[in-house]
Each structure stands twice: as C-alpha cells, then as structure tokens.
C-alpha cells in the first residue's frame, strides 16, 4: 500500500490488524487505535460500507471491554448515518449488535 499508494483497502487493513491484535491479547489502546484508524480512513475515502464495518468492530471490542454505553452510542450514530445500507450484511449485523446492547441494563 505504501509503495503503490493504492489506498482503497486501507480501512479494512487497519480493521483486520485491530482484530488480530485483539486475538493476540495486545494492549487495548493499540487495538482501539487500529479500529479508530480504520474508521477515519474509511471516512476520508468516502467508503461508507467500510466505515460501518469498522465502527461495528470497534463497538464489539468496546463491549468486550465493558464499555457497553460507548458501544451503544457509537452504533446508534453509525446506523443513523448509514441507513442506505439497510439490506447489507454489515448493516444487519450492526443492527443486531445494537439491539443486543439496548436490551442490557443501562
């Protein structure tokens, strides 16, 4: 990516790195930073589907860290902004995740 300057897959690469670091038990701040970088990269490219996927991944990570409220707020915002993806797998998964979070006590 650095050599060719082809950045179309950059958001997904950062998201996948975050997932891998999470599985390895890496530092939570590093894992979160990868997911946030994926979101920012997708936003800068106008890649809304990848932004939704990155947001959903970060929300799942935050939930695993006990940050249910932050995850819920993040998904609420993302789903409101990405309603045009209502039939996509990523949208359905994010909506399911949000419904699960909403059923938890505040």
PDB file of N, CA and C in Angstrom:
ATOM      1  N   UNK A   1       0.829  -1.186   0.000  1.00  0.00           N
ATOM      2  CA  UNK A   1       0.000   0.000   0.000  1.00  0.00           C
ATOM      3  C   UNK A   1       0.876   1.253   0.000  1.00  0.00           C
ATOM      4  N   UNK A   2       1.898   1.244   0.803  1.00  0.00           N
ATOM      5  CA  UNK A   2       2.784   2.408   0.852  1.00  0.00           C
ATOM      6  C   UNK A   2       3.535   2.587  -0.466  1.00  0.00           C
ATOM      7  N   UNK A   3       3.951   1.495  -1.071  1.00  0.00           N
ATOM      8  CA  UNK A   3       4.725   1.575  -2.311  1.00  0.00           C
ATOM      9  C   UNK A   3       3.879   2.000  -3.505  1.00  0.00           C
ATOM     10  N   UNK A   4       2.643   1.505  -3.573  1.00  0.00           N
ATOM     11  CA  UNK A   4       1.794   1.774  -4.746  1.00  0.00           C
ATOM     12  C   UNK A   4       0.866   2.962  -4.557  1.00  0.00           C
ATOM     13  N   UNK A   5       0.702   3.393  -3.328  1.00  0.00           N
ATOM     14  CA  UNK A   5      -0.226   4.476  -2.991  1.00  0.00           C
ATOM     15  C   UNK A   5      -1.678   4.106  -3.297  1.00  0.00           C
ATOM     16  N   UNK A   6      -1.950   2.832  -3.406  1.00  0.00           N
ATOM     17  CA  UNK A   6      -3.320   2.343  -3.580  1.00  0.00           C
ATOM     18  C   UNK A   6      -3.931   2.200  -2.195  1.00  0.00           C
ATOM     19  N   UNK A   7      -4.876   3.049  -1.880  1.00  0.00           N
ATOM     20  CA  UNK A   7      -5.413   3.099  -0.526  1.00  0.00           C
ATOM     21  C   UNK A   7      -6.848   2.581  -0.411  1.00  0.00           C
ATOM     22  N   UNK A   8      -7.390   2.023  -1.468  1.00  0.00           N
ATOM     23  CA  UNK A   8      -8.792   1.629  -1.437  1.00  0.00           C
ATOM     24  C   UNK A   8      -9.095   0.591  -0.360  1.00  0.00           C
ATOM     25  N   UNK A   9      -8.131  -0.239   0.017  1.00  0.00           N
ATOM     26  CA  UNK A   9      -8.361  -1.273   1.031  1.00  0.00           C
ATOM     27  C   UNK A   9      -7.811  -0.885   2.404  1.00  0.00           C
ATOM     28  N   UNK A  10      -7.314   0.319   2.543  1.00  0.00           N
ATOM     29  CA  UNK A  10      -6.693   0.738   3.795  1.00  0.00           C
ATOM     30  C   UNK A  10      -7.605   0.581   5.013  1.00  0.00           C
ATOM     31  N   UNK A  11      -8.877   0.982   4.936  1.00  0.00           N
ATOM     32  CA  UNK A  11      -9.719   0.834   6.128  1.00  0.00           C
ATOM     33  C   UNK A  11      -9.820  -0.617   6.597  1.00  0.00           C
ATOM     34  N   UNK A  12      -9.971  -1.511   5.652  1.00  0.00           N
ATOM     35  CA  UNK A  12     -10.119  -2.918   6.011  1.00  0.00           C
ATOM     36  C   UNK A  12      -8.810  -3.480   6.575  1.00  0.00           C
ATOM     37  N   UNK A  13      -7.687  -3.033   6.076  1.00  0.00           N
ATOM     38  CA  UNK A  13      -6.398  -3.489   6.603  1.00  0.00           C
ATOM     39  C   UNK A  13      -6.216  -3.073   8.071  1.00  0.00           C
ATOM     40  N   UNK A  14      -6.594  -1.843   8.388  1.00  0.00           N
ATOM     41  CA  UNK A  14      -6.484  -1.374   9.776  1.00  0.00           C
ATOM     42  C   UNK A  14      -7.452  -2.127  10.682  1.00  0.00           C
ATOM     43  N   UNK A  15      -8.661  -2.373  10.181  1.00  0.00           N
ATOM     44  CA  UNK A  15      -9.654  -3.109  10.965  1.00  0.00           C
ATOM     45  C   UNK A  15      -9.164  -4.528  11.249  1.00  0.00           C
ATOM     46  N   UNK A  16      -8.649  -5.189  10.219  1.00  0.00           N
ATOM     47  CA  UNK A  16      -8.158  -6.555  10.383  1.00  0.00           C
ATOM     48  C   UNK A  16      -6.964  -6.600  11.335  1.00  0.00           C
ATOM     49  N   UNK A  17      -6.106  -5.603  11.261  1.00  0.00           N
ATOM     50  CA  UNK A  17      -4.968  -5.530  12.191  1.00  0.00           C
ATOM     51  C   UNK A  17      -5.481  -5.433  13.630  1.00  0.00           C
ATOM     52  N   UNK A  18      -6.499  -4.603  13.829  1.00  0.00           N
ATOM     53  CA  UNK A  18      -7.089  -4.479  15.161  1.00  0.00           C
ATOM     54  C   UNK A  18      -7.656  -5.802  15.662  1.00  0.00           C
ATOM     55  N   UNK A  19      -8.335  -6.522  14.782  1.00  0.00           N
ATOM     56  CA  UNK A  19      -8.892  -7.819  15.165  1.00  0.00           C
ATOM     57  C   UNK A  19      -7.787  -8.818  15.525  1.00  0.00           C
ATOM     58  N   UNK A  20      -6.723  -8.828  14.735  1.00  0.00           N
ATOM     59  CA  UNK A  20      -5.610  -9.726  15.010  1.00  0.00           C
ATOM     60  C   UNK A  20      -4.920  -9.389  16.330  1.00  0.00           C
ATOM     61  N   UNK A  21      -4.690  -8.098  16.554  1.00  0.00           N
ATOM     62  CA  UNK A  21      -4.059  -7.685  17.814  1.00  0.00           C
ATOM     63  C   UNK A  21      -4.945  -8.024  19.014  1.00  0.00           C
ATOM     64  N   UNK A  22      -6.251  -7.888  18.821  1.00  0.00           N
ATOM     65  CA  UNK A  22      -7.186  -8.240  19.893  1.00  0.00           C
ATOM     66  C   UNK A  22      -7.069  -9.729  20.223  1.00  0.00           C
ATOM     67  N   UNK A  23      -7.049 -10.556  19.207  1.00  0.00           N
ATOM     68  CA  UNK A  23      -6.936 -12.007  19.425  1.00  0.00           C
ATOM     69  C   UNK A  23      -5.622 -12.387  20.090  1.00  0.00           C
ATOM     70  N   UNK A  24      -4.590 -11.602  19.841  1.00  0.00           N
ATOM     71  CA  UNK A  24      -3.288 -11.868  20.453  1.00  0.00           C
ATOM     72  C   UNK A  24      -3.204 -11.314  21.879  1.00  0.00           C
ATOM     73  N   UNK A  25      -4.235 -10.601  22.297  1.00  0.00           N
ATOM     74  CA  UNK A  25      -4.246 -10.026  23.636  1.00  0.00           C
ATOM     75  C   UNK A  25      -3.380  -8.789  23.764  1.00  0.00           C
ATOM     76  N   UNK A  26      -3.212  -8.070  22.678  1.00  0.00           N
ATOM     77  CA  UNK A  26      -2.380  -6.863  22.676  1.00  0.00           C
ATOM     78  C   UNK A  26      -2.997  -5.772  23.549  1.00  0.00           C
ATOM     79  N   UNK A  27      -2.252  -4.723  23.741  1.00  0.00           N
ATOM     80  CA  UNK A  27      -2.668  -3.565  24.530  1.00  0.00           C
ATOM     81  C   UNK A  27      -4.007  -3.020  24.026  1.00  0.00           C
ATOM     82  N   UNK A  28      -5.002  -2.858  24.911  1.00  0.00           N
ATOM     83  CA  UNK A  28      -6.313  -2.358  24.490  1.00  0.00           C
ATOM     84  C   UNK A  28      -6.259  -1.017  23.744  1.00  0.00           C
ATOM     85  N   UNK A  29      -5.366  -0.130  24.147  1.00  0.00           N
ATOM     86  CA  UNK A  29      -5.270   1.173  23.471  1.00  0.00           C
ATOM     87  C   UNK A  29      -4.801   1.004  22.028  1.00  0.00           C
ATOM     88  N   UNK A  30      -3.911   0.066  21.789  1.00  0.00           N
ATOM     89  CA  UNK A  30      -3.418  -0.192  20.433  1.00  0.00           C
ATOM     90  C   UNK A  30      -4.521  -0.792  19.568  1.00  0.00           C
ATOM     91  N   UNK A  31      -5.255  -1.733  20.129  1.00  0.00           N
ATOM     92  CA  UNK A  31      -6.360  -2.364  19.401  1.00  0.00           C
ATOM     93  C   UNK A  31      -7.402  -1.308  19.033  1.00  0.00           C
ATOM     94  N   UNK A  32      -7.790  -0.506  20.002  1.00  0.00           N
ATOM     95  CA  UNK A  32      -8.788   0.541  19.758  1.00  0.00           C
ATOM     96  C   UNK A  32      -8.285   1.534  18.711  1.00  0.00           C
ATOM     97  N   UNK A  33      -7.021   1.883  18.781  1.00  0.00           N
ATOM     98  CA  UNK A  33      -6.446   2.827  17.812  1.00  0.00           C
ATOM     99  C   UNK A  33      -6.528   2.275  16.381  1.00  0.00           C
ATOM    100  N   UNK A  34      -6.307   0.988  16.220  1.00  0.00           N
ATOM    101  CA  UNK A  34      -6.412   0.382  14.881  1.00  0.00           C
ATOM    102  C   UNK A  34      -7.835   0.517  14.342  1.00  0.00           C
ATOM    103  N   UNK A  35      -8.813   0.230  15.183  1.00  0.00           N
ATOM    104  CA  UNK A  35     -10.207   0.338  14.754  1.00  0.00           C
ATOM    105  C   UNK A  35     -10.581   1.793  14.437  1.00  0.00           C
ATOM    106  N   UNK A  36     -10.125   2.696  15.271  1.00  0.00           N
ATOM    107  CA  UNK A  36     -10.426   4.113  15.017  1.00  0.00           C
ATOM    108  C   UNK A  36      -9.730   4.604  13.742  1.00  0.00           C
ATOM    109  N   UNK A  37      -8.534   4.106  13.498  1.00  0.00           N
ATOM    110  CA  UNK A  37      -7.835   4.476  12.261  1.00  0.00           C
ATOM    111  C   UNK A  37      -8.575   3.921  11.048  1.00  0.00           C
ATOM    112  N   UNK A  38      -9.131   2.729  11.172  1.00  0.00           N
ATOM    113  CA  UNK A  38      -9.933   2.146  10.089  1.00  0.00           C
ATOM    114  C   UNK A  38     -11.153   3.020   9.811  1.00  0.00           C
ATOM    115  N   UNK A  39     -11.805   3.474  10.873  1.00  0.00           N
ATOM    116  CA  UNK A  39     -12.978   4.337  10.699  1.00  0.00           C
ATOM    117  C   UNK A  39     -12.595   5.649  10.025  1.00  0.00           C
ATOM    118  N   UNK A  40     -11.522   6.259  10.482  1.00  0.00           N
ATOM    119  CA  UNK A  40     -11.083   7.543   9.916  1.00  0.00           C
ATOM    120  C   UNK A  40     -10.651   7.384   8.464  1.00  0.00           C
ATOM    121  N   UNK A  41      -9.956   6.312   8.179  1.00  0.00           N
ATOM    122  CA  UNK A  41      -9.508   6.059   6.814  1.00  0.00           C
ATOM    123  C   UNK A  41     -10.703   5.868   5.881  1.00  0.00           C
ATOM    124  N   UNK A  42     -11.674   5.089   6.327  1.00  0.00           N
ATOM    125  CA  UNK A  42     -12.878   4.870   5.517  1.00  0.00           C
ATOM    126  C   UNK A  42     -13.610   6.186   5.278  1.00  0.00           C
ATOM    127  N   UNK A  43     -13.707   6.992   6.326  1.00  0.00           N
ATOM    128  CA  UNK A  43     -14.382   8.286   6.214  1.00  0.00           C
ATOM    129  C   UNK A  43     -13.664   9.168   5.199  1.00  0.00           C
ATOM    130  N   UNK A  44     -12.340   9.184   5.239  1.00  0.00           N
ATOM    131  CA  UNK A  44     -11.582  10.045   4.326  1.00  0.00           C
ATOM    132  C   UNK A  44     -11.699   9.578   2.874  1.00  0.00           C
ATOM    133  N   UNK A  45     -11.915   8.277   2.686  1.00  0.00           N
ATOM    134  CA  UNK A  45     -12.084   7.738   1.337  1.00  0.00           C
ATOM    135  C   UNK A  45     -13.534   7.777   0.867  1.00  0.00           C
ATOM    136  N   UNK A  46     -14.441   8.110   1.765  1.00  0.00           N
ATOM    137  CA  UNK A  46     -15.857   8.091   1.423  1.00  0.00           C
ATOM    138  C   UNK A  46     -16.388   6.669   1.295  1.00  0.00           C
ATOM    139  N   UNK A  47     -15.744   5.731   1.959  1.00  0.00           N
ATOM    140  CA  UNK A  47     -16.118   4.314   1.894  1.00  0.00           C
ATOM    141  C   UNK A  47     -17.064   4.001   3.049  1.00  0.00           C
ATOM    142  N   UNK A  48     -18.325   4.350   2.868  1.00  0.00           N
ATOM    143  CA  UNK A  48     -19.287   4.245   3.958  1.00  0.00           C
ATOM    144  C   UNK A  48     -19.496   2.819   4.449  1.00  0.00           C
ATOM    145  N   UNK A  49     -19.489   1.859   3.542  1.00  0.00           N
ATOM    146  CA  UNK A  49     -19.684   0.472   3.963  1.00  0.00           C
ATOM    147  C   UNK A  49     -18.538   0.025   4.869  1.00  0.00           C
ATOM    148  N   UNK A  50     -17.310   0.379   4.517  1.00  0.00           N
ATOM    149  CA  UNK A  50     -16.180   0.005   5.365  1.00  0.00           C
ATOM    150  C   UNK A  50     -16.160   0.802   6.664  1.00  0.00           C
ATOM    151  N   UNK A  51     -16.679   2.005   6.631  1.00  0.00           N
ATOM    152  CA  UNK A  51     -16.775   2.775   7.873  1.00  0.00           C
ATOM    153  C   UNK A  51     -17.752   2.107   8.837  1.00  0.00           C
ATOM    154  N   UNK A  52     -18.868   1.639   8.301  1.00  0.00           N
ATOM    155  CA  UNK A  52     -19.835   0.937   9.138  1.00  0.00           C
ATOM    156  C   UNK A  52     -19.226  -0.338   9.705  1.00  0.00           C
ATOM    157  N   UNK A  53     -18.508  -1.093   8.883  1.00  0.00           N
ATOM    158  CA  UNK A  53     -17.869  -2.324   9.339  1.00  0.00           C
ATOM    159  C   UNK A  53     -16.840  -2.031  10.438  1.00  0.00           C
ATOM    160  N   UNK A  54     -16.035  -0.996  10.250  1.00  0.00           N
ATOM    161  CA  UNK A  54     -15.026  -0.635  11.244  1.00  0.00           C
ATOM    162  C   UNK A  54     -15.682  -0.174  12.546  1.00  0.00           C
ATOM    163  N   UNK A  55     -16.749   0.585  12.428  1.00  0.00           N
ATOM    164  CA  UNK A  55     -17.470   1.055  13.610  1.00  0.00           C
ATOM    165  C   UNK A  55     -18.057  -0.118  14.381  1.00  0.00           C
ATOM    166  N   UNK A  56     -18.624  -1.060  13.656  1.00  0.00           N
ATOM    167  CA  UNK A  56     -19.201  -2.244  14.286  1.00  0.00           C
ATOM    168  C   UNK A  56     -18.126  -3.062  14.999  1.00  0.00           C
ATOM    169  N   UNK A  57     -16.971  -3.185  14.381  1.00  0.00           N
ATOM    170  CA  UNK A  57     -15.866  -3.924  15.012  1.00  0.00           C
ATOM    171  C   UNK A  57     -15.398  -3.230  16.284  1.00  0.00           C
ATOM    172  N   UNK A  58     -15.270  -1.910  16.230  1.00  0.00           N
ATOM    173  CA  UNK A  58     -14.858  -1.172  17.419  1.00  0.00           C
ATOM    174  C   UNK A  58     -15.916  -1.285  18.511  1.00  0.00           C
ATOM    175  N   UNK A  59     -17.179  -1.200  18.141  1.00  0.00           N
ATOM    176  CA  UNK A  59     -18.250  -1.320  19.131  1.00  0.00           C
ATOM    177  C   UNK A  59     -18.207  -2.691  19.809  1.00  0.00           C
ATOM    178  N   UNK A  60     -17.966  -3.744  19.034  1.00  0.00           N
ATOM    179  CA  UNK A  60     -17.856  -5.085  19.616  1.00  0.00           C
ATOM    180  C   UNK A  60     -16.676  -5.162  20.580  1.00  0.00           C
ATOM    181  N   UNK A  61     -15.582  -4.534  20.208  1.00  0.00           N
ATOM    182  CA  UNK A  61     -14.406  -4.527  21.074  1.00  0.00           C
ATOM    183  C   UNK A  61     -14.689  -3.753  22.364  1.00  0.00           C
ATOM    184  N   UNK A  62     -15.303  -2.595  22.234  1.00  0.00           N
ATOM    185  CA  UNK A  62     -15.626  -1.795  23.417  1.00  0.00           C
ATOM    186  C   UNK A  62     -16.561  -2.559  24.347  1.00  0.00           C
ATOM    187  N   UNK A  63     -17.505  -3.259  23.759  1.00  0.00           N
ATOM    188  CA  UNK A  63     -18.433  -4.050  24.572  1.00  0.00           C
ATOM    189  C   UNK A  63     -17.671  -5.136  25.336  1.00  0.00           C
ATOM    190  N   UNK A  64     -16.739  -5.784  24.669  1.00  0.00           N
ATOM    191  CA  UNK A  64     -15.931  -6.817  25.323  1.00  0.00           C
ATOM    192  C   UNK A  64     -15.093  -6.229  26.459  1.00  0.00           C
ATOM    193  N   UNK A  65     -14.792  -4.938  26.367  1.00  0.00           N
ATOM    194  CA  UNK A  65     -14.028  -4.243  27.403  1.00  0.00           C
ATOM    195  C   UNK A  65     -14.937  -3.680  28.497  1.00  0.00           C
ATOM    196  N   UNK A  66     -16.234  -3.968  28.414  1.00  0.00           N
ATOM    197  CA  UNK A  66     -17.180  -3.496  29.423  1.00  0.00           C
ATOM    198  C   UNK A  66     -17.690  -2.087  29.187  1.00  0.00           C
ATOM    199  N   UNK A  67     -17.467  -1.554  27.999  1.00  0.00           N
ATOM    200  CA  UNK A  67     -17.892  -0.189  27.675  1.00  0.00           C
ATOM    201  C   UNK A  67     -19.174  -0.218  26.830  1.00  0.00           C
ATOM    202  N   UNK A  68     -20.220  -0.823  27.403  1.00  0.00           N
ATOM    203  CA  UNK A  68     -21.478  -1.005  26.685  1.00  0.00           C
ATOM    204  C   UNK A  68     -22.110   0.314  26.234  1.00  0.00           C
ATOM    205  N   UNK A  69     -22.068   1.310  27.084  1.00  0.00           N
ATOM    206  CA  UNK A  69     -22.701   2.594  26.747  1.00  0.00           C
ATOM    207  C   UNK A  69     -22.010   3.237  25.552  1.00  0.00           C
ATOM    208  N   UNK A  70     -20.684   3.248  25.549  1.00  0.00           N
ATOM    209  CA  UNK A  70     -19.940   3.824  24.419  1.00  0.00           C
ATOM    210  C   UNK A  70     -20.223   3.046  23.144  1.00  0.00           C
ATOM    211  N   UNK A  71     -20.284   1.730  23.245  1.00  0.00           N
ATOM    212  CA  UNK A  71     -20.576   0.902  22.068  1.00  0.00           C
ATOM    213  C   UNK A  71     -21.971   1.196  21.533  1.00  0.00           C
ATOM    214  N   UNK A  72     -22.939   1.306  22.429  1.00  0.00           N
ATOM    215  CA  UNK A  72     -24.324   1.594  22.032  1.00  0.00           C
ATOM    216  C   UNK A  72     -24.419   2.949  21.341  1.00  0.00           C
ATOM    217  N   UNK A  73     -23.797   3.960  21.902  1.00  0.00           N
ATOM    218  CA  UNK A  73     -23.838   5.298  21.307  1.00  0.00           C
ATOM    219  C   UNK A  73     -23.189   5.296  19.921  1.00  0.00           C
ATOM    220  N   UNK A  74     -22.068   4.613  19.798  1.00  0.00           N
ATOM    221  CA  UNK A  74     -21.355   4.550  18.534  1.00  0.00           C
ATOM    222  C   UNK A  74     -22.208   3.887  17.454  1.00  0.00           C
ATOM    223  N   UNK A  75     -22.848   2.776  17.802  1.00  0.00           N
ATOM    224  CA  UNK A  75     -23.685   2.075  16.826  1.00  0.00           C
ATOM    225  C   UNK A  75     -24.924   2.883  16.469  1.00  0.00           C
ATOM    226  N   UNK A  76     -25.523   3.537  17.455  1.00  0.00           N
ATOM    227  CA  UNK A  76     -26.680   4.399  17.167  1.00  0.00           C
ATOM    228  C   UNK A  76     -26.328   5.445  16.123  1.00  0.00           C
ATOM    229  N   UNK A  77     -25.221   6.116  16.327  1.00  0.00           N
ATOM    230  CA  UNK A  77     -24.780   7.164  15.397  1.00  0.00           C
ATOM    231  C   UNK A  77     -24.487   6.580  14.019  1.00  0.00           C
ATOM    232  N   UNK A  78     -23.765   5.478  13.996  1.00  0.00           N
ATOM    233  CA  UNK A  78     -23.386   4.869  12.718  1.00  0.00           C
ATOM    234  C   UNK A  78     -24.604   4.401  11.937  1.00  0.00           C
ATOM    235  N   UNK A  79     -25.510   3.727  12.600  1.00  0.00           N
ATOM    236  CA  UNK A  79     -26.673   3.195  11.897  1.00  0.00           C
ATOM    237  C   UNK A  79     -27.583   4.303  11.383  1.00  0.00           C
ATOM    238  N   UNK A  80     -27.667   5.399  12.104  1.00  0.00           N
ATOM    239  CA  UNK A  80     -28.476   6.530  11.630  1.00  0.00           C
ATOM    240  C   UNK A  80     -27.871   7.129  10.365  1.00  0.00           C
ATOM    241  N   UNK A  81     -26.555   7.165  10.299  1.00  0.00           N
ATOM    242  CA  UNK A  81     -25.875   7.770   9.156  1.00  0.00           C
ATOM    243  C   UNK A  81     -25.786   6.829   7.958  1.00  0.00           C
ATOM    244  N   UNK A  82     -25.937   5.535   8.181  1.00  0.00           N
ATOM    245  CA  UNK A  82     -25.725   4.566   7.114  1.00  0.00           C
ATOM    246  C   UNK A  82     -26.971   3.779   6.778  1.00  0.00           C
ATOM    247  N   UNK A  83     -28.122   4.408   6.863  1.00  0.00           N
ATOM    248  CA  UNK A  83     -29.364   3.695   6.609  1.00  0.00           C
ATOM    249  C   UNK A  83     -29.493   3.196   5.166  1.00  0.00           C
ATOM    250  N   UNK A  84     -28.716   3.766   4.239  1.00  0.00           N
ATOM    251  CA  UNK A  84     -28.795   3.309   2.853  1.00  0.00           C
ATOM    252  C   UNK A  84     -28.238   1.903   2.669  1.00  0.00           C
ATOM    253  N   UNK A  85     -27.598   1.360   3.699  1.00  0.00           N
ATOM    254  CA  UNK A  85     -27.060   0.007   3.626  1.00  0.00           C
ATOM    255  C   UNK A  85     -27.971  -0.967   4.364  1.00  0.00           C
ATOM    256  N   UNK A  86     -29.251  -0.621   4.461  1.00  0.00           N
ATOM    257  CA  UNK A  86     -30.210  -1.395   5.243  1.00  0.00           C
ATOM    258  C   UNK A  86     -30.286  -2.868   4.940  1.00  0.00           C
ATOM    259  N   UNK A  87     -29.939  -3.283   3.741  1.00  0.00           N
ATOM    260  CA  UNK A  87     -30.015  -4.693   3.414  1.00  0.00           C
ATOM    261  C   UNK A  87     -28.678  -5.402   3.457  1.00  0.00           C
ATOM    262  N   UNK A  88     -27.610  -4.663   3.703  1.00  0.00           N
ATOM    263  CA  UNK A  88     -26.285  -5.289   3.666  1.00  0.00           C
ATOM    264  C   UNK A  88     -26.047  -6.138   4.919  1.00  0.00           C
ATOM    265  N   UNK A  89     -25.177  -7.099   4.786  1.00  0.00           N
ATOM    266  CA  UNK A  89     -24.828  -7.958   5.915  1.00  0.00           C
ATOM    267  C   UNK A  89     -24.243  -7.146   7.064  1.00  0.00           C
ATOM    268  N   UNK A  90     -23.385  -6.176   6.740  1.00  0.00           N
ATOM    269  CA  UNK A  90     -22.767  -5.354   7.783  1.00  0.00           C
ATOM    270  C   UNK A  90     -23.812  -4.544   8.535  1.00  0.00           C
ATOM    271  N   UNK A  91     -24.794  -4.002   7.816  1.00  0.00           N
ATOM    272  CA  UNK A  91     -25.842  -3.222   8.465  1.00  0.00           C
ATOM    273  C   UNK A  91     -26.675  -4.113   9.380  1.00  0.00           C
ATOM    274  N   UNK A  92     -27.054  -5.283   8.882  1.00  0.00           N
ATOM    275  CA  UNK A  92     -27.872  -6.211   9.675  1.00  0.00           C
ATOM    276  C   UNK A  92     -27.115  -6.643  10.932  1.00  0.00           C
ATOM    277  N   UNK A  93     -25.828  -6.929  10.799  1.00  0.00           N
ATOM    278  CA  UNK A  93     -25.033  -7.323  11.962  1.00  0.00           C
ATOM    279  C   UNK A  93     -24.894  -6.183  12.967  1.00  0.00           C
ATOM    280  N   UNK A  94     -24.684  -4.972  12.477  1.00  0.00           N
ATOM    281  CA  UNK A  94     -24.568  -3.818  13.370  1.00  0.00           C
ATOM    282  C   UNK A  94     -25.891  -3.567  14.087  1.00  0.00           C
ATOM    283  N   UNK A  95     -27.003  -3.701  13.370  1.00  0.00           N
ATOM    284  CA  UNK A  95     -28.317  -3.509  13.975  1.00  0.00           C
ATOM    285  C   UNK A  95     -28.593  -4.573  15.032  1.00  0.00           C
ATOM    286  N   UNK A  96     -28.206  -5.798  14.755  1.00  0.00           N
ATOM    287  CA  UNK A  96     -28.370  -6.875  15.725  1.00  0.00           C
ATOM    288  C   UNK A  96     -27.543  -6.609  16.979  1.00  0.00           C
ATOM    289  N   UNK A  97     -26.328  -6.154  16.773  1.00  0.00           N
ATOM    290  CA  UNK A  97     -25.446  -5.824  17.892  1.00  0.00           C
ATOM    291  C   UNK A  97     -26.054  -4.700  18.736  1.00  0.00           C
ATOM    292  N   UNK A  98     -26.615  -3.686  18.078  1.00  0.00           N
ATOM    293  CA  UNK A  98     -27.229  -2.574  18.794  1.00  0.00           C
ATOM    294  C   UNK A  98     -28.445  -3.046  19.593  1.00  0.00           C
ATOM    295  N   UNK A  99     -29.274  -3.883  18.990  1.00  0.00           N
ATOM    296  CA  UNK A  99     -30.452  -4.385  19.703  1.00  0.00           C
ATOM    297  C   UNK A  99     -30.046  -5.174  20.946  1.00  0.00           C
ATOM    298  N   UNK A 100     -28.983  -5.938  20.824  1.00  0.00           N
ATOM    299  CA  UNK A 100     -28.469  -6.688  21.964  1.00  0.00           C
ATOM    300  C   UNK A 100     -27.998  -5.740  23.075  1.00  0.00           C
ATOM    301  N   UNK A 101     -27.305  -4.687  22.686  1.00  0.00           N
ATOM    302  CA  UNK A 101     -26.827  -3.700  23.656  1.00  0.00           C
ATOM    303  C   UNK A 101     -27.982  -2.958  24.311  1.00  0.00           C
ATOM    304  N   UNK A 102     -29.023  -2.675  23.547  1.00  0.00           N
ATOM    305  CA  UNK A 102     -30.157  -1.950  24.097  1.00  0.00           C
ATOM    306  C   UNK A 102     -30.943  -2.783  25.098  1.00  0.00           C
ATOM    307  N   UNK A 103     -30.844  -4.090  24.982  1.00  0.00           N
ATOM    308  CA  UNK A 103     -31.560  -4.964  25.909  1.00  0.00           C
ATOM    309  C   UNK A 103     -30.844  -5.096  27.256  1.00  0.00           C
ATOM    310  N   UNK A 104     -29.606  -4.630  27.320  1.00  0.00           N
ATOM    311  CA  UNK A 104     -28.835  -4.690  28.564  1.00  0.00           C
ATOM    312  C   UNK A 104     -29.259  -3.558  29.501  1.00  0.00           C
ATOM    313  N   UNK A 105     -29.167  -3.782  30.791  1.00  0.00           N
ATOM    314  CA  UNK A 105     -29.459  -2.677  31.714  1.00  0.00           C
ATOM    315  C   UNK A 105     -28.438  -1.559  31.561  1.00  0.00           C
ATOM    316  N   UNK A 106     -28.905  -0.332  31.666  1.00  0.00           N
ATOM    317  CA  UNK A 106     -28.032   0.842  31.477  1.00  0.00           C
ATOM    318  C   UNK A 106     -27.058   1.021  32.594  1.00  0.00           C
TER     319      UNK A 106
END
